[in-house]
């Protein structure tokens, strides 16, 4: 027997699964995680905890490369996080649907 929470999830996911798969919805919620990682990289880079790496980075690379790298990390992390969450919800939905169908089939067999 499905709980009320599981039934509510099935109803929600049937209505919103295609909306949640849109490109904007896939990227936007994960931006905060990506921004946290990017800020941590900038803080580590500017803190000077490893002076030799700091000197090499300042001598050989452009600040634009760092900015482009952090933007790439933010976009990738945002996309990957939301895609992972969508896949987990889809798997839970399919498992609950299969469980529900098996219970209905069992109930139907018992009544016959």
N, C-alpha and C. Protein backbone atom coordinates (compact mmCIF):
# COMPACT_ATOMS: atom_id res chain seq x y z
N UNK A 1 0.83 -1.18 0.00
CA UNK A 1 0.00 0.00 0.00
C UNK A 1 0.88 1.25 0.00
N UNK A 2 0.62 2.15 -0.90
CA UNK A 2 1.39 3.39 -0.99
C UNK A 2 0.94 4.37 0.09
N UNK A 3 1.90 5.06 0.67
CA UNK A 3 1.58 6.08 1.68
C UNK A 3 1.06 7.34 0.97
N UNK A 4 0.52 8.25 1.76
CA UNK A 4 0.02 9.50 1.19
C UNK A 4 1.15 10.32 0.58
N UNK A 5 2.31 10.27 1.20
CA UNK A 5 3.47 11.00 0.68
C UNK A 5 3.90 10.44 -0.68
N UNK A 6 3.89 9.13 -0.82
CA UNK A 6 4.26 8.50 -2.09
C UNK A 6 3.23 8.82 -3.18
N UNK A 7 1.96 8.80 -2.82
CA UNK A 7 0.91 9.16 -3.79
C UNK A 7 1.04 10.61 -4.22
N UNK A 8 1.33 11.48 -3.27
CA UNK A 8 1.51 12.90 -3.60
C UNK A 8 2.71 13.09 -4.52
N UNK A 9 3.80 12.34 -4.29
CA UNK A 9 4.97 12.44 -5.16
C UNK A 9 4.63 11.98 -6.57
N UNK A 10 3.90 10.87 -6.68
CA UNK A 10 3.52 10.37 -8.01
C UNK A 10 2.70 11.41 -8.76
N UNK A 11 1.72 12.02 -8.09
CA UNK A 11 0.90 13.04 -8.74
C UNK A 11 1.74 14.25 -9.15
N UNK A 12 2.62 14.69 -8.24
CA UNK A 12 3.47 15.84 -8.55
C UNK A 12 4.37 15.55 -9.73
N UNK A 13 5.00 14.37 -9.74
CA UNK A 13 5.97 14.06 -10.79
C UNK A 13 5.29 13.86 -12.13
N UNK A 14 4.07 13.31 -12.14
CA UNK A 14 3.35 13.16 -13.41
C UNK A 14 3.04 14.52 -14.02
N UNK A 15 2.75 15.50 -13.18
CA UNK A 15 2.43 16.84 -13.68
C UNK A 15 3.67 17.64 -14.08
N UNK A 16 4.78 17.45 -13.37
CA UNK A 16 5.93 18.35 -13.51
C UNK A 16 7.18 17.73 -14.09
N UNK A 17 7.14 16.49 -14.50
CA UNK A 17 8.39 15.86 -14.95
C UNK A 17 8.96 16.51 -16.21
N UNK A 18 8.11 16.93 -17.13
CA UNK A 18 8.63 17.58 -18.34
C UNK A 18 9.07 19.01 -18.06
N UNK A 19 8.39 19.70 -17.13
CA UNK A 19 8.81 21.04 -16.76
C UNK A 19 10.18 21.02 -16.10
N UNK A 20 10.41 20.01 -15.26
CA UNK A 20 11.67 19.90 -14.54
C UNK A 20 12.84 19.55 -15.48
N UNK A 21 12.53 19.04 -16.66
CA UNK A 21 13.58 18.64 -17.58
C UNK A 21 14.02 19.77 -18.51
N UNK A 22 13.35 20.93 -18.46
CA UNK A 22 13.71 22.03 -19.33
C UNK A 22 15.13 22.52 -19.01
N UNK A 23 15.76 23.15 -19.98
CA UNK A 23 17.14 23.59 -19.84
C UNK A 23 17.29 24.59 -18.69
N UNK A 24 16.39 25.54 -18.60
CA UNK A 24 16.48 26.54 -17.52
C UNK A 24 16.37 25.88 -16.16
N UNK A 25 15.42 24.97 -16.01
CA UNK A 25 15.25 24.28 -14.73
C UNK A 25 16.42 23.34 -14.45
N UNK A 26 17.06 22.84 -15.49
CA UNK A 26 18.19 21.93 -15.27
C UNK A 26 19.43 22.67 -14.77
N UNK A 27 19.61 23.91 -15.15
CA UNK A 27 20.85 24.60 -14.83
C UNK A 27 20.72 25.53 -13.62
N UNK A 28 19.60 26.21 -13.47
CA UNK A 28 19.51 27.28 -12.48
C UNK A 28 19.70 26.85 -11.02
N UNK A 29 19.09 25.78 -10.51
CA UNK A 29 19.27 25.48 -9.08
C UNK A 29 20.69 25.05 -8.71
N UNK A 30 21.41 24.49 -9.61
CA UNK A 30 22.76 24.04 -9.30
C UNK A 30 23.80 25.14 -9.35
N UNK A 31 23.40 26.34 -9.80
CA UNK A 31 24.35 27.45 -9.88
C UNK A 31 24.93 27.80 -8.51
N UNK A 32 24.12 27.74 -7.48
CA UNK A 32 24.62 28.11 -6.15
C UNK A 32 25.74 27.18 -5.71
N UNK A 33 25.60 25.90 -6.01
CA UNK A 33 26.65 24.95 -5.66
C UNK A 33 27.93 25.25 -6.46
N UNK A 34 27.75 25.49 -7.75
CA UNK A 34 28.89 25.83 -8.59
C UNK A 34 29.55 27.13 -8.17
N UNK A 35 28.75 28.11 -7.78
CA UNK A 35 29.32 29.37 -7.31
C UNK A 35 30.11 29.18 -6.02
N UNK A 36 29.62 28.34 -5.15
CA UNK A 36 30.37 28.06 -3.91
C UNK A 36 31.72 27.42 -4.23
N UNK A 37 31.74 26.51 -5.16
CA UNK A 37 33.01 25.89 -5.56
C UNK A 37 33.93 26.93 -6.21
N UNK A 38 33.38 27.77 -7.08
CA UNK A 38 34.18 28.80 -7.72
C UNK A 38 34.74 29.80 -6.73
N UNK A 39 33.93 30.20 -5.75
CA UNK A 39 34.41 31.14 -4.73
C UNK A 39 35.50 30.49 -3.89
N UNK A 40 35.32 29.21 -3.58
CA UNK A 40 36.36 28.50 -2.81
C UNK A 40 37.67 28.45 -3.59
N UNK A 41 37.59 28.25 -4.89
CA UNK A 41 38.81 28.24 -5.72
C UNK A 41 39.47 29.61 -5.70
N UNK A 42 38.68 30.66 -5.85
CA UNK A 42 39.24 32.01 -5.81
C UNK A 42 39.87 32.32 -4.46
N UNK A 43 39.20 31.92 -3.38
CA UNK A 43 39.76 32.16 -2.05
C UNK A 43 41.06 31.40 -1.85
N UNK A 44 41.10 30.16 -2.30
CA UNK A 44 42.34 29.38 -2.18
C UNK A 44 43.45 29.99 -3.03
N UNK A 45 43.09 30.48 -4.19
CA UNK A 45 44.07 31.08 -5.09
C UNK A 45 44.62 32.38 -4.52
N UNK A 46 43.75 33.18 -3.93
CA UNK A 46 44.16 34.49 -3.42
C UNK A 46 44.67 34.47 -1.98
N UNK A 47 44.51 33.36 -1.29
CA UNK A 47 44.95 33.31 0.10
C UNK A 47 46.46 33.23 0.23
N UNK A 48 47.12 32.72 -0.79
CA UNK A 48 48.58 32.64 -0.77
C UNK A 48 49.12 31.50 0.06
N UNK A 49 48.34 30.48 0.29
CA UNK A 49 48.79 29.37 1.13
C UNK A 49 49.87 28.53 0.45
N UNK A 50 49.94 28.61 -0.89
CA UNK A 50 50.99 27.90 -1.61
C UNK A 50 51.66 28.92 -2.53
N UNK A 51 52.69 29.55 -2.03
CA UNK A 51 53.29 30.68 -2.72
C UNK A 51 53.90 30.32 -4.06
N UNK A 52 54.49 29.17 -4.17
CA UNK A 52 55.13 28.78 -5.43
C UNK A 52 54.09 28.65 -6.55
N UNK A 53 52.94 28.01 -6.23
CA UNK A 53 51.87 27.89 -7.24
C UNK A 53 51.30 29.26 -7.58
N UNK A 54 51.19 30.10 -6.60
CA UNK A 54 50.69 31.45 -6.82
C UNK A 54 51.60 32.23 -7.76
N UNK A 55 52.90 32.14 -7.55
CA UNK A 55 53.85 32.84 -8.42
C UNK A 55 53.80 32.29 -9.84
N UNK A 56 53.74 30.98 -9.98
CA UNK A 56 53.68 30.37 -11.31
C UNK A 56 52.39 30.76 -12.03
N UNK A 57 51.27 30.79 -11.31
CA UNK A 57 50.00 31.13 -11.93
C UNK A 57 49.98 32.59 -12.38
N UNK A 58 50.54 33.46 -11.59
CA UNK A 58 50.55 34.88 -11.95
C UNK A 58 51.53 35.17 -13.08
N UNK A 59 52.59 34.40 -13.18
CA UNK A 59 53.60 34.64 -14.22
C UNK A 59 53.18 34.07 -15.57
N UNK A 60 52.50 32.95 -15.57
CA UNK A 60 52.25 32.24 -16.83
C UNK A 60 50.83 32.31 -17.37
N UNK A 61 49.86 32.68 -16.54
CA UNK A 61 48.48 32.62 -17.03
C UNK A 61 47.79 33.98 -16.94
N UNK A 62 46.76 34.08 -17.70
CA UNK A 62 45.94 35.28 -17.71
C UNK A 62 44.79 35.13 -16.71
N UNK A 63 44.36 36.22 -16.11
CA UNK A 63 43.21 36.12 -15.20
C UNK A 63 41.93 35.67 -15.92
N UNK A 64 41.88 35.89 -17.23
CA UNK A 64 40.70 35.48 -17.99
C UNK A 64 40.57 33.96 -18.04
N UNK A 65 41.68 33.28 -18.04
CA UNK A 65 41.64 31.82 -18.04
C UNK A 65 41.00 31.32 -16.75
N UNK A 66 41.36 31.93 -15.64
CA UNK A 66 40.77 31.57 -14.35
C UNK A 66 39.27 31.86 -14.35
N UNK A 67 38.88 33.00 -14.86
CA UNK A 67 37.46 33.37 -14.91
C UNK A 67 36.68 32.39 -15.80
N UNK A 68 37.23 32.07 -16.96
CA UNK A 68 36.56 31.13 -17.86
C UNK A 68 36.47 29.75 -17.21
N UNK A 69 37.52 29.34 -16.53
CA UNK A 69 37.50 28.05 -15.84
C UNK A 69 36.44 27.99 -14.75
N UNK A 70 36.31 29.07 -13.99
CA UNK A 70 35.30 29.10 -12.92
C UNK A 70 33.90 29.12 -13.51
N UNK A 71 33.69 29.85 -14.59
CA UNK A 71 32.38 29.85 -15.24
C UNK A 71 32.05 28.45 -15.75
N UNK A 72 33.03 27.77 -16.32
CA UNK A 72 32.80 26.40 -16.79
C UNK A 72 32.44 25.48 -15.63
N UNK A 73 33.11 25.64 -14.50
CA UNK A 73 32.80 24.82 -13.32
C UNK A 73 31.39 25.10 -12.84
N UNK A 74 30.99 26.37 -12.80
CA UNK A 74 29.65 26.74 -12.34
C UNK A 74 28.59 26.12 -13.25
N UNK A 75 28.75 26.25 -14.55
CA UNK A 75 27.75 25.72 -15.49
C UNK A 75 27.71 24.20 -15.43
N UNK A 76 28.86 23.55 -15.43
CA UNK A 76 28.89 22.09 -15.38
C UNK A 76 28.28 21.57 -14.09
N UNK A 77 28.66 22.16 -12.96
CA UNK A 77 28.13 21.71 -11.68
C UNK A 77 26.62 21.92 -11.61
N UNK A 78 26.16 23.07 -12.08
CA UNK A 78 24.72 23.34 -12.08
C UNK A 78 23.96 22.33 -12.91
N UNK A 79 24.44 22.05 -14.10
CA UNK A 79 23.77 21.10 -14.98
C UNK A 79 23.82 19.69 -14.40
N UNK A 80 25.00 19.27 -13.95
CA UNK A 80 25.16 17.91 -13.45
C UNK A 80 24.31 17.67 -12.21
N UNK A 81 24.28 18.64 -11.28
CA UNK A 81 23.51 18.48 -10.05
C UNK A 81 22.03 18.31 -10.35
N UNK A 82 21.48 19.18 -11.18
CA UNK A 82 20.04 19.12 -11.44
C UNK A 82 19.69 17.89 -12.27
N UNK A 83 20.54 17.51 -13.21
CA UNK A 83 20.30 16.31 -14.00
C UNK A 83 20.29 15.07 -13.10
N UNK A 84 21.22 15.04 -12.15
CA UNK A 84 21.28 13.93 -11.20
C UNK A 84 20.00 13.87 -10.37
N UNK A 85 19.53 15.01 -9.88
CA UNK A 85 18.29 15.05 -9.08
C UNK A 85 17.10 14.60 -9.92
N UNK A 86 17.04 15.03 -11.20
CA UNK A 86 15.93 14.64 -12.06
C UNK A 86 15.93 13.12 -12.25
N UNK A 87 17.09 12.55 -12.50
CA UNK A 87 17.18 11.10 -12.69
C UNK A 87 16.77 10.34 -11.43
N UNK A 88 17.15 10.84 -10.27
CA UNK A 88 16.77 10.19 -9.01
C UNK A 88 15.25 10.25 -8.82
N UNK A 89 14.64 11.39 -9.11
CA UNK A 89 13.18 11.51 -9.00
C UNK A 89 12.48 10.60 -10.00
N UNK A 90 13.01 10.53 -11.20
CA UNK A 90 12.41 9.67 -12.23
C UNK A 90 12.49 8.20 -11.80
N UNK A 91 13.61 7.79 -11.24
CA UNK A 91 13.75 6.41 -10.78
C UNK A 91 12.77 6.12 -9.64
N UNK A 92 12.65 7.04 -8.70
CA UNK A 92 11.71 6.85 -7.59
C UNK A 92 10.27 6.77 -8.12
N UNK A 93 9.94 7.60 -9.10
CA UNK A 93 8.62 7.59 -9.71
C UNK A 93 8.33 6.24 -10.36
N UNK A 94 9.27 5.75 -11.12
CA UNK A 94 9.06 4.46 -11.79
C UNK A 94 8.93 3.31 -10.80
N UNK A 95 9.72 3.35 -9.73
CA UNK A 95 9.63 2.30 -8.71
C UNK A 95 8.28 2.33 -8.02
N UNK A 96 7.80 3.53 -7.69
CA UNK A 96 6.50 3.65 -7.03
C UNK A 96 5.36 3.24 -7.95
N UNK A 97 5.48 3.59 -9.23
CA UNK A 97 4.44 3.18 -10.20
C UNK A 97 4.40 1.66 -10.32
N UNK A 98 5.57 1.03 -10.38
CA UNK A 98 5.63 -0.44 -10.48
C UNK A 98 5.06 -1.07 -9.22
N UNK A 99 5.37 -0.51 -8.07
CA UNK A 99 4.84 -1.02 -6.80
C UNK A 99 3.32 -0.89 -6.77
N UNK A 100 2.82 0.24 -7.22
CA UNK A 100 1.38 0.48 -7.25
C UNK A 100 0.68 -0.49 -8.19
N UNK A 101 1.24 -0.69 -9.37
CA UNK A 101 0.65 -1.62 -10.33
C UNK A 101 0.67 -3.06 -9.81
N UNK A 102 1.75 -3.44 -9.14
CA UNK A 102 1.83 -4.79 -8.57
C UNK A 102 0.78 -4.98 -7.49
N UNK A 103 0.56 -3.98 -6.66
CA UNK A 103 -0.46 -4.06 -5.61
C UNK A 103 -1.85 -4.14 -6.21
N UNK A 104 -2.10 -3.36 -7.26
CA UNK A 104 -3.41 -3.40 -7.92
C UNK A 104 -3.65 -4.76 -8.57
N UNK A 105 -2.62 -5.32 -9.19
CA UNK A 105 -2.75 -6.63 -9.81
C UNK A 105 -3.01 -7.70 -8.76
N UNK A 106 -2.32 -7.61 -7.64
CA UNK A 106 -2.49 -8.57 -6.55
C UNK A 106 -3.89 -8.47 -5.97
N UNK A 107 -4.40 -7.24 -5.79
CA UNK A 107 -5.74 -7.05 -5.27
C UNK A 107 -6.78 -7.58 -6.25
N UNK A 108 -6.53 -7.39 -7.54
CA UNK A 108 -7.45 -7.86 -8.56
C UNK A 108 -7.48 -9.39 -8.59
N UNK A 109 -6.32 -10.03 -8.45
CA UNK A 109 -6.24 -11.50 -8.43
C UNK A 109 -6.94 -12.07 -7.19
N UNK A 110 -6.86 -11.38 -6.07
CA UNK A 110 -7.51 -11.85 -4.85
C UNK A 110 -9.02 -11.74 -4.91
N UNK A 111 -9.54 -10.79 -5.66
CA UNK A 111 -10.99 -10.64 -5.76
C UNK A 111 -11.62 -11.64 -6.73
N UNK A 112 -10.84 -12.20 -7.59
CA UNK A 112 -11.38 -13.13 -8.59
C UNK A 112 -11.51 -14.51 -8.06
